[in-house]
Amino acid sequence: PMIFDVLLPLVLFLIMLATFFLYFRYEKRIGFVFKEVKFRYYHAVLLVVATSIVVSVLVFVPGEAIRVLYLCVYSLGLFLFTYLVVPKWYLAVLPPALFTALYLVYEDTYLWNVNMPPHTPYLLNLFAIIFAIFMSIYLGSLFTWKTTAAFAVLITIVDIVNVLITGFTVESAEKLVEVLRLPVAIIVPTFPYVGAVMTLGLGDIFLAGLLGIQTAKKYG
């Protein structure tokens, strides 16, 4: 039966609001960091190809290698984003340290593990949302409206292939979320509650944030 849900769309809407607010508040700083560099069409193509390769390879890479790599990448991204907002390195190291500590301590509890009741991993959701916001902001500063349109079309085609044909996206997501408990998706119960949960991957949120930022920049 069809499930009617309003909670996940509401969460996505709030994430988009936070993304817009932070992007336009710190747009000048972001531009200074990237020296006003903008992706061209071939950059968008390369990013789509790289994303597809990574999704496919993750199925075969040992879990511990993925865990270490992800924690390093996430911590570095969180440090850079914090330093962008509060340009003091000794303060910027605190969020990555907190993230790593919470993950190591609570990884096997209901706060991180979606397989444990109530099947709503609060800390995993929190850091997935933070990751989605700062990655959307970074990407939003590198793309233009035209390259965003090209990227959106290409990544949608690749996603359809990897979900419906190869199945690599589904396998990778299950491995990252259910086995390694890494914050790469948002998992919330349905509302009205019918005993089910809804999942939205960070790739979808990145795309929504990128489209939203570029639309706002183009049309106000």
C-alpha atoms as a PDB file:
ATOM      1  CA  PRO A   1       0.000   0.000   0.000  1.00  0.00           C
ATOM      2  CA  MET A   2       1.050   3.581  -0.587  1.00  0.00           C
ATOM      3  CA  ILE A   3       2.528   5.330   2.474  1.00  0.00           C
ATOM      4  CA  PHE A   4       1.572   8.945   3.063  1.00  0.00           C
ATOM      5  CA  ASP A   5       4.370  10.802   4.820  1.00  0.00           C
ATOM      6  CA  VAL A   6       4.989  14.463   5.617  1.00  0.00           C
ATOM      7  CA  LEU A   7       7.941  14.212   8.019  1.00  0.00           C
ATOM      8  CA  LEU A   8      10.719  13.479   5.522  1.00  0.00           C
ATOM      9  CA  PRO A   9       9.636  16.269   3.122  1.00  0.00           C
ATOM     10  CA  LEU A  10       9.499  18.629   6.115  1.00  0.00           C
ATOM     11  CA  VAL A  11      13.022  17.617   7.180  1.00  0.00           C
ATOM     12  CA  LEU A  12      14.274  18.161   3.625  1.00  0.00           C
ATOM     13  CA  PHE A  13      12.588  21.569   3.507  1.00  0.00           C
ATOM     14  CA  LEU A  14      14.273  22.641   6.759  1.00  0.00           C
ATOM     15  CA  ILE A  15      17.645  21.409   5.486  1.00  0.00           C
ATOM     16  CA  MET A  16      17.189  23.501   2.347  1.00  0.00           C
ATOM     17  CA  LEU A  17      16.333  26.588   4.419  1.00  0.00           C
ATOM     18  CA  ALA A  18      19.483  26.121   6.517  1.00  0.00           C
ATOM     19  CA  THR A  19      21.543  25.594   3.362  1.00  0.00           C
ATOM     20  CA  PHE A  20      20.244  28.781   1.725  1.00  0.00           C
ATOM     21  CA  PHE A  21      20.749  30.855   4.881  1.00  0.00           C
ATOM     22  CA  LEU A  22      24.338  29.711   5.403  1.00  0.00           C
ATOM     23  CA  TYR A  23      25.295  29.910   1.741  1.00  0.00           C
ATOM     24  CA  PHE A  24      24.143  33.470   1.190  1.00  0.00           C
ATOM     25  CA  ARG A  25      25.455  34.559   4.577  1.00  0.00           C
ATOM     26  CA  TYR A  26      28.961  33.286   3.820  1.00  0.00           C
ATOM     27  CA  GLU A  27      28.930  33.498   0.021  1.00  0.00           C
ATOM     28  CA  LYS A  28      31.808  35.978  -0.141  1.00  0.00           C
ATOM     29  CA  ARG A  29      34.011  33.876   2.135  1.00  0.00           C
ATOM     30  CA  ILE A  30      33.256  30.767   0.105  1.00  0.00           C
ATOM     31  CA  GLY A  31      34.122  32.592  -3.103  1.00  0.00           C
ATOM     32  CA  PHE A  32      37.393  33.748  -1.572  1.00  0.00           C
ATOM     33  CA  VAL A  33      38.291  30.188  -0.537  1.00  0.00           C
ATOM     34  CA  PHE A  34      37.717  28.790  -4.030  1.00  0.00           C
ATOM     35  CA  LYS A  35      39.110  31.906  -5.774  1.00  0.00           C
ATOM     36  CA  GLU A  36      35.853  32.233  -7.744  1.00  0.00           C
ATOM     37  CA  VAL A  37      36.630  28.979  -9.572  1.00  0.00           C
ATOM     38  CA  LYS A  38      33.631  27.570 -11.469  1.00  0.00           C
ATOM     39  CA  PHE A  39      33.070  24.105 -12.898  1.00  0.00           C
ATOM     40  CA  ARG A  40      32.737  23.725 -16.647  1.00  0.00           C
ATOM     41  CA  TYR A  41      30.753  21.067 -18.464  1.00  0.00           C
ATOM     42  CA  TYR A  42      33.610  18.563 -18.507  1.00  0.00           C
ATOM     43  CA  HIS A  43      34.047  19.003 -14.752  1.00  0.00           C
ATOM     44  CA  ALA A  44      30.389  18.062 -14.276  1.00  0.00           C
ATOM     45  CA  VAL A  45      30.872  14.998 -16.483  1.00  0.00           C
ATOM     46  CA  LEU A  46      34.004  13.961 -14.582  1.00  0.00           C
ATOM     47  CA  LEU A  47      32.189  14.366 -11.257  1.00  0.00           C
ATOM     48  CA  VAL A  48      29.328  12.167 -12.458  1.00  0.00           C
ATOM     49  CA  VAL A  49      31.755   9.511 -13.708  1.00  0.00           C
ATOM     50  CA  ALA A  50      33.752   9.616 -10.466  1.00  0.00           C
ATOM     51  CA  THR A  51      30.558   9.309  -8.402  1.00  0.00           C
ATOM     52  CA  SER A  52      29.421   6.305 -10.410  1.00  0.00           C
ATOM     53  CA  ILE A  53      32.806   4.614 -10.034  1.00  0.00           C
ATOM     54  CA  VAL A  54      32.917   5.234  -6.288  1.00  0.00           C
ATOM     55  CA  VAL A  55      29.401   3.853  -5.778  1.00  0.00           C
ATOM     56  CA  SER A  56      30.330   0.716  -7.721  1.00  0.00           C
ATOM     57  CA  VAL A  57      33.693   0.205  -6.027  1.00  0.00           C
ATOM     58  CA  LEU A  58      32.273   0.607  -2.512  1.00  0.00           C
ATOM     59  CA  VAL A  59      30.454  -2.702  -2.924  1.00  0.00           C
ATOM     60  CA  PHE A  60      33.781  -4.557  -3.115  1.00  0.00           C
ATOM     61  CA  VAL A  61      36.032  -2.505  -0.788  1.00  0.00           C
ATOM     62  CA  PRO A  62      36.555  -3.895   2.757  1.00  0.00           C
ATOM     63  CA  GLY A  63      34.377  -2.210   5.352  1.00  0.00           C
ATOM     64  CA  GLU A  64      37.174  -1.033   7.633  1.00  0.00           C
ATOM     65  CA  ALA A  65      38.955   0.724   4.770  1.00  0.00           C
ATOM     66  CA  ILE A  66      35.727   2.552   3.912  1.00  0.00           C
ATOM     67  CA  ARG A  67      35.190   3.468   7.557  1.00  0.00           C
ATOM     68  CA  VAL A  68      38.658   4.999   7.992  1.00  0.00           C
ATOM     69  CA  LEU A  69      38.477   6.878   4.686  1.00  0.00           C
ATOM     70  CA  TYR A  70      35.003   8.250   5.385  1.00  0.00           C
ATOM     71  CA  LEU A  71      35.873   9.412   8.897  1.00  0.00           C
ATOM     72  CA  CYS A  72      38.933  11.225   7.533  1.00  0.00           C
ATOM     73  CA  VAL A  73      37.031  12.892   4.674  1.00  0.00           C
ATOM     74  CA  TYR A  74      34.101  13.861   6.888  1.00  0.00           C
ATOM     75  CA  SER A  75      36.353  15.265   9.597  1.00  0.00           C
ATOM     76  CA  LEU A  76      38.360  17.293   7.077  1.00  0.00           C
ATOM     77  CA  GLY A  77      35.202  18.679   5.481  1.00  0.00           C
ATOM     78  CA  LEU A  78      33.725  19.551   8.856  1.00  0.00           C
ATOM     79  CA  PHE A  79      36.952  21.279   9.880  1.00  0.00           C
ATOM     80  CA  LEU A  80      37.023  23.373   6.693  1.00  0.00           C
ATOM     81  CA  PHE A  81      33.355  24.309   7.026  1.00  0.00           C
ATOM     82  CA  THR A  82      33.750  25.299  10.679  1.00  0.00           C
ATOM     83  CA  TYR A  83      36.865  27.304   9.832  1.00  0.00           C
ATOM     84  CA  LEU A  84      34.857  29.066   7.137  1.00  0.00           C
ATOM     85  CA  VAL A  85      32.275  30.150   9.705  1.00  0.00           C
ATOM     86  CA  VAL A  86      34.638  30.710  12.641  1.00  0.00           C
ATOM     87  CA  PRO A  87      38.127  31.392  11.216  1.00  0.00           C
ATOM     88  CA  LYS A  88      40.043  30.120  14.234  1.00  0.00           C
ATOM     89  CA  TRP A  89      41.756  26.750  13.815  1.00  0.00           C
ATOM     90  CA  TYR A  90      41.616  25.821  17.510  1.00  0.00           C
ATOM     91  CA  LEU A  91      37.825  26.138  17.397  1.00  0.00           C
ATOM     92  CA  ALA A  92      37.522  24.460  13.994  1.00  0.00           C
ATOM     93  CA  VAL A  93      39.111  21.240  15.297  1.00  0.00           C
ATOM     94  CA  LEU A  94      36.405  20.771  17.931  1.00  0.00           C
ATOM     95  CA  PRO A  95      33.480  19.638  15.711  1.00  0.00           C
ATOM     96  CA  PRO A  96      35.541  16.942  13.885  1.00  0.00           C
ATOM     97  CA  ALA A  97      36.874  15.707  17.229  1.00  0.00           C
ATOM     98  CA  LEU A  98      33.341  15.599  18.644  1.00  0.00           C
ATOM     99  CA  PHE A  99      32.035  13.753  15.594  1.00  0.00           C
ATOM    100  CA  THR A 100      34.768  11.103  15.748  1.00  0.00           C
ATOM    101  CA  ALA A 101      34.364  10.631  19.509  1.00  0.00           C
ATOM    102  CA  LEU A 102      30.577  10.273  19.307  1.00  0.00           C
ATOM    103  CA  TYR A 103      30.860   7.812  16.447  1.00  0.00           C
ATOM    104  CA  LEU A 104      33.378   5.605  18.259  1.00  0.00           C
ATOM    105  CA  VAL A 105      31.420   5.661  21.533  1.00  0.00           C
ATOM    106  CA  TYR A 106      27.840   5.354  20.262  1.00  0.00           C
ATOM    107  CA  GLU A 107      28.301   3.435  17.008  1.00  0.00           C
ATOM    108  CA  ASP A 108      26.716   0.271  18.400  1.00  0.00           C
ATOM    109  CA  THR A 109      23.804   1.999  20.159  1.00  0.00           C
ATOM    110  CA  TYR A 110      20.354   3.039  18.968  1.00  0.00           C
ATOM    111  CA  LEU A 111      21.703   6.589  18.495  1.00  0.00           C
ATOM    112  CA  TRP A 112      23.733   5.411  15.468  1.00  0.00           C
ATOM    113  CA  ASN A 113      22.455   1.932  14.568  1.00  0.00           C
ATOM    114  CA  VAL A 114      19.360   1.929  12.376  1.00  0.00           C
ATOM    115  CA  ASN A 115      18.869  -1.788  13.080  1.00  0.00           C
ATOM    116  CA  MET A 116      18.077  -1.108  16.753  1.00  0.00           C
ATOM    117  CA  PRO A 117      14.683   0.168  17.989  1.00  0.00           C
ATOM    118  CA  PRO A 118      13.286   2.794  17.548  1.00  0.00           C
ATOM    119  CA  HIS A 119      15.091   2.554  14.167  1.00  0.00           C
ATOM    120  CA  THR A 120      15.652   6.311  14.120  1.00  0.00           C
ATOM    121  CA  PRO A 121      19.418   6.871  14.599  1.00  0.00           C
ATOM    122  CA  TYR A 122      19.413  10.416  15.958  1.00  0.00           C
ATOM    123  CA  LEU A 123      23.152  11.079  15.903  1.00  0.00           C
ATOM    124  CA  LEU A 124      23.573   9.506  12.496  1.00  0.00           C
ATOM    125  CA  ASN A 125      20.775  11.758  11.209  1.00  0.00           C
ATOM    126  CA  LEU A 126      22.299  14.835  12.821  1.00  0.00           C
ATOM    127  CA  PHE A 127      25.724  14.384  11.234  1.00  0.00           C
ATOM    128  CA  ALA A 128      24.190  13.344   7.915  1.00  0.00           C
ATOM    129  CA  ILE A 129      22.262  16.629   7.889  1.00  0.00           C
ATOM    130  CA  ILE A 130      25.413  18.606   8.731  1.00  0.00           C
ATOM    131  CA  PHE A 131      27.318  16.802   5.969  1.00  0.00           C
ATOM    132  CA  ALA A 132      24.523  17.478   3.493  1.00  0.00           C
ATOM    133  CA  ILE A 133      24.479  21.183   4.317  1.00  0.00           C
ATOM    134  CA  PHE A 134      28.192  21.888   4.035  1.00  0.00           C
ATOM    135  CA  MET A 135      28.618  19.760   0.924  1.00  0.00           C
ATOM    136  CA  SER A 136      25.675  21.526  -0.751  1.00  0.00           C
ATOM    137  CA  ILE A 137      27.263  24.863   0.113  1.00  0.00           C
ATOM    138  CA  TYR A 138      30.654  23.832  -1.282  1.00  0.00           C
ATOM    139  CA  LEU A 139      29.127  22.471  -4.488  1.00  0.00           C
ATOM    140  CA  GLY A 140      26.831  25.469  -4.830  1.00  0.00           C
ATOM    141  CA  SER A 141      29.830  27.770  -4.997  1.00  0.00           C
ATOM    142  CA  LEU A 142      31.585  25.755  -7.717  1.00  0.00           C
ATOM    143  CA  PHE A 143      28.714  25.251 -10.153  1.00  0.00           C
ATOM    144  CA  THR A 144      26.909  27.645 -12.465  1.00  0.00           C
ATOM    145  CA  TRP A 145      23.300  27.398 -13.569  1.00  0.00           C
ATOM    146  CA  LYS A 146      24.223  25.712 -16.893  1.00  0.00           C
ATOM    147  CA  THR A 147      26.653  23.205 -15.403  1.00  0.00           C
ATOM    148  CA  THR A 148      24.119  22.449 -12.660  1.00  0.00           C
ATOM    149  CA  ALA A 149      21.490  21.585 -15.275  1.00  0.00           C
ATOM    150  CA  ALA A 150      23.931  19.294 -17.103  1.00  0.00           C
ATOM    151  CA  PHE A 151      25.052  17.665 -13.854  1.00  0.00           C
ATOM    152  CA  ALA A 152      21.457  17.093 -12.697  1.00  0.00           C
ATOM    153  CA  VAL A 153      20.501  15.334 -15.940  1.00  0.00           C
ATOM    154  CA  LEU A 154      23.616  13.154 -16.025  1.00  0.00           C
ATOM    155  CA  ILE A 155      23.567  12.172 -12.347  1.00  0.00           C
ATOM    156  CA  THR A 156      19.880  11.250 -12.609  1.00  0.00           C
ATOM    157  CA  ILE A 157      20.590   8.922 -15.541  1.00  0.00           C
ATOM    158  CA  VAL A 158      23.516   7.323 -13.711  1.00  0.00           C
ATOM    159  CA  ASP A 159      21.420   6.949 -10.552  1.00  0.00           C
ATOM    160  CA  ILE A 160      18.655   5.168 -12.460  1.00  0.00           C
ATOM    161  CA  VAL A 161      21.212   2.748 -13.889  1.00  0.00           C
ATOM    162  CA  ASN A 162      22.894   2.078 -10.539  1.00  0.00           C
ATOM    163  CA  VAL A 163      19.586   1.618  -8.708  1.00  0.00           C
ATOM    164  CA  LEU A 164      17.385  -0.247 -11.178  1.00  0.00           C
ATOM    165  CA  ILE A 165      19.926  -2.109 -13.329  1.00  0.00           C
ATOM    166  CA  THR A 166      23.198  -2.789 -11.492  1.00  0.00           C
ATOM    167  CA  GLY A 167      21.853  -2.331  -7.963  1.00  0.00           C
ATOM    168  CA  PHE A 168      25.205  -0.926  -6.808  1.00  0.00           C
ATOM    169  CA  THR A 169      23.653   2.154  -5.174  1.00  0.00           C
ATOM    170  CA  VAL A 170      21.353   0.025  -3.016  1.00  0.00           C
ATOM    171  CA  GLU A 171      24.131  -2.377  -2.004  1.00  0.00           C
ATOM    172  CA  SER A 172      26.527   0.465  -1.183  1.00  0.00           C
ATOM    173  CA  ALA A 173      23.893   2.312   0.866  1.00  0.00           C
ATOM    174  CA  GLU A 174      23.028  -0.788   2.885  1.00  0.00           C
ATOM    175  CA  LYS A 175      26.710  -1.439   3.553  1.00  0.00           C
ATOM    176  CA  LEU A 176      27.446   2.140   4.624  1.00  0.00           C
ATOM    177  CA  VAL A 177      24.355   2.665   6.766  1.00  0.00           C
ATOM    178  CA  GLU A 178      23.371  -0.716   8.184  1.00  0.00           C
ATOM    179  CA  VAL A 179      26.815  -2.295   8.556  1.00  0.00           C
ATOM    180  CA  LEU A 180      29.241   0.605   9.040  1.00  0.00           C
ATOM    181  CA  ARG A 181      26.699   3.086  10.511  1.00  0.00           C
ATOM    182  CA  LEU A 182      28.128   6.007   8.546  1.00  0.00           C
ATOM    183  CA  PRO A 183      26.042   9.196   8.154  1.00  0.00           C
ATOM    184  CA  VAL A 184      25.244   8.954   4.438  1.00  0.00           C
ATOM    185  CA  ALA A 185      21.443   8.980   4.722  1.00  0.00           C
ATOM    186  CA  ILE A 186      18.621  10.447   6.772  1.00  0.00           C
ATOM    187  CA  ILE A 187      16.274   7.902   8.337  1.00  0.00           C
ATOM    188  CA  VAL A 188      13.066   9.080  10.000  1.00  0.00           C
ATOM    189  CA  PRO A 189       9.735   7.438  10.911  1.00  0.00           C
ATOM    190  CA  THR A 190       6.701   8.170   8.817  1.00  0.00           C
ATOM    191  CA  PHE A 191       4.167  10.721   9.974  1.00  0.00           C
ATOM    192  CA  PRO A 192       1.389   9.721  10.335  1.00  0.00           C
ATOM    193  CA  TYR A 193       3.186   6.753  11.877  1.00  0.00           C
ATOM    194  CA  VAL A 194       2.431   3.377  10.296  1.00  0.00           C
ATOM    195  CA  GLY A 195       5.352   1.407  11.714  1.00  0.00           C
ATOM    196  CA  ALA A 196       7.734   2.233   8.882  1.00  0.00           C
ATOM    197  CA  VAL A 197      10.734   4.489   8.327  1.00  0.00           C
ATOM    198  CA  MET A 198      11.676   6.628   5.322  1.00  0.00           C
ATOM    199  CA  THR A 199      15.230   6.926   4.032  1.00  0.00           C
ATOM    200  CA  LEU A 200      16.767   9.662   1.893  1.00  0.00           C
ATOM    201  CA  GLY A 201      20.367   9.405   0.704  1.00  0.00           C
ATOM    202  CA  LEU A 202      22.741  12.351   0.911  1.00  0.00           C
ATOM    203  CA  GLY A 203      23.196  12.346  -2.858  1.00  0.00           C
ATOM    204  CA  ASP A 204      19.559  13.360  -3.289  1.00  0.00           C
ATOM    205  CA  ILE A 205      19.964  16.111  -0.706  1.00  0.00           C
ATOM    206  CA  PHE A 206      23.157  17.392  -2.350  1.00  0.00           C
ATOM    207  CA  LEU A 207      21.324  17.620  -5.667  1.00  0.00           C
ATOM    208  CA  ALA A 208      18.350  19.379  -4.079  1.00  0.00           C
ATOM    209  CA  GLY A 209      20.649  21.867  -2.338  1.00  0.00           C
ATOM    210  CA  LEU A 210      22.655  22.499  -5.509  1.00  0.00           C
ATOM    211  CA  LEU A 211      19.517  23.074  -7.595  1.00  0.00           C
ATOM    212  CA  GLY A 212      18.041  25.290  -4.888  1.00  0.00           C
ATOM    213  CA  ILE A 213      21.125  27.494  -4.549  1.00  0.00           C
ATOM    214  CA  GLN A 214      21.575  27.920  -8.288  1.00  0.00           C
ATOM    215  CA  THR A 215      17.866  28.649  -8.788  1.00  0.00           C
ATOM    216  CA  ALA A 216      17.946  31.276  -6.036  1.00  0.00           C
ATOM    217  CA  LYS A 217      21.074  32.875  -7.539  1.00  0.00           C
ATOM    218  CA  LYS A 218      19.538  32.969 -11.017  1.00  0.00           C
ATOM    219  CA  TYR A 219      15.989  34.090 -10.161  1.00  0.00           C
ATOM    220  CA  GLY A 220      16.308  35.615  -6.695  1.00  0.00           C
END
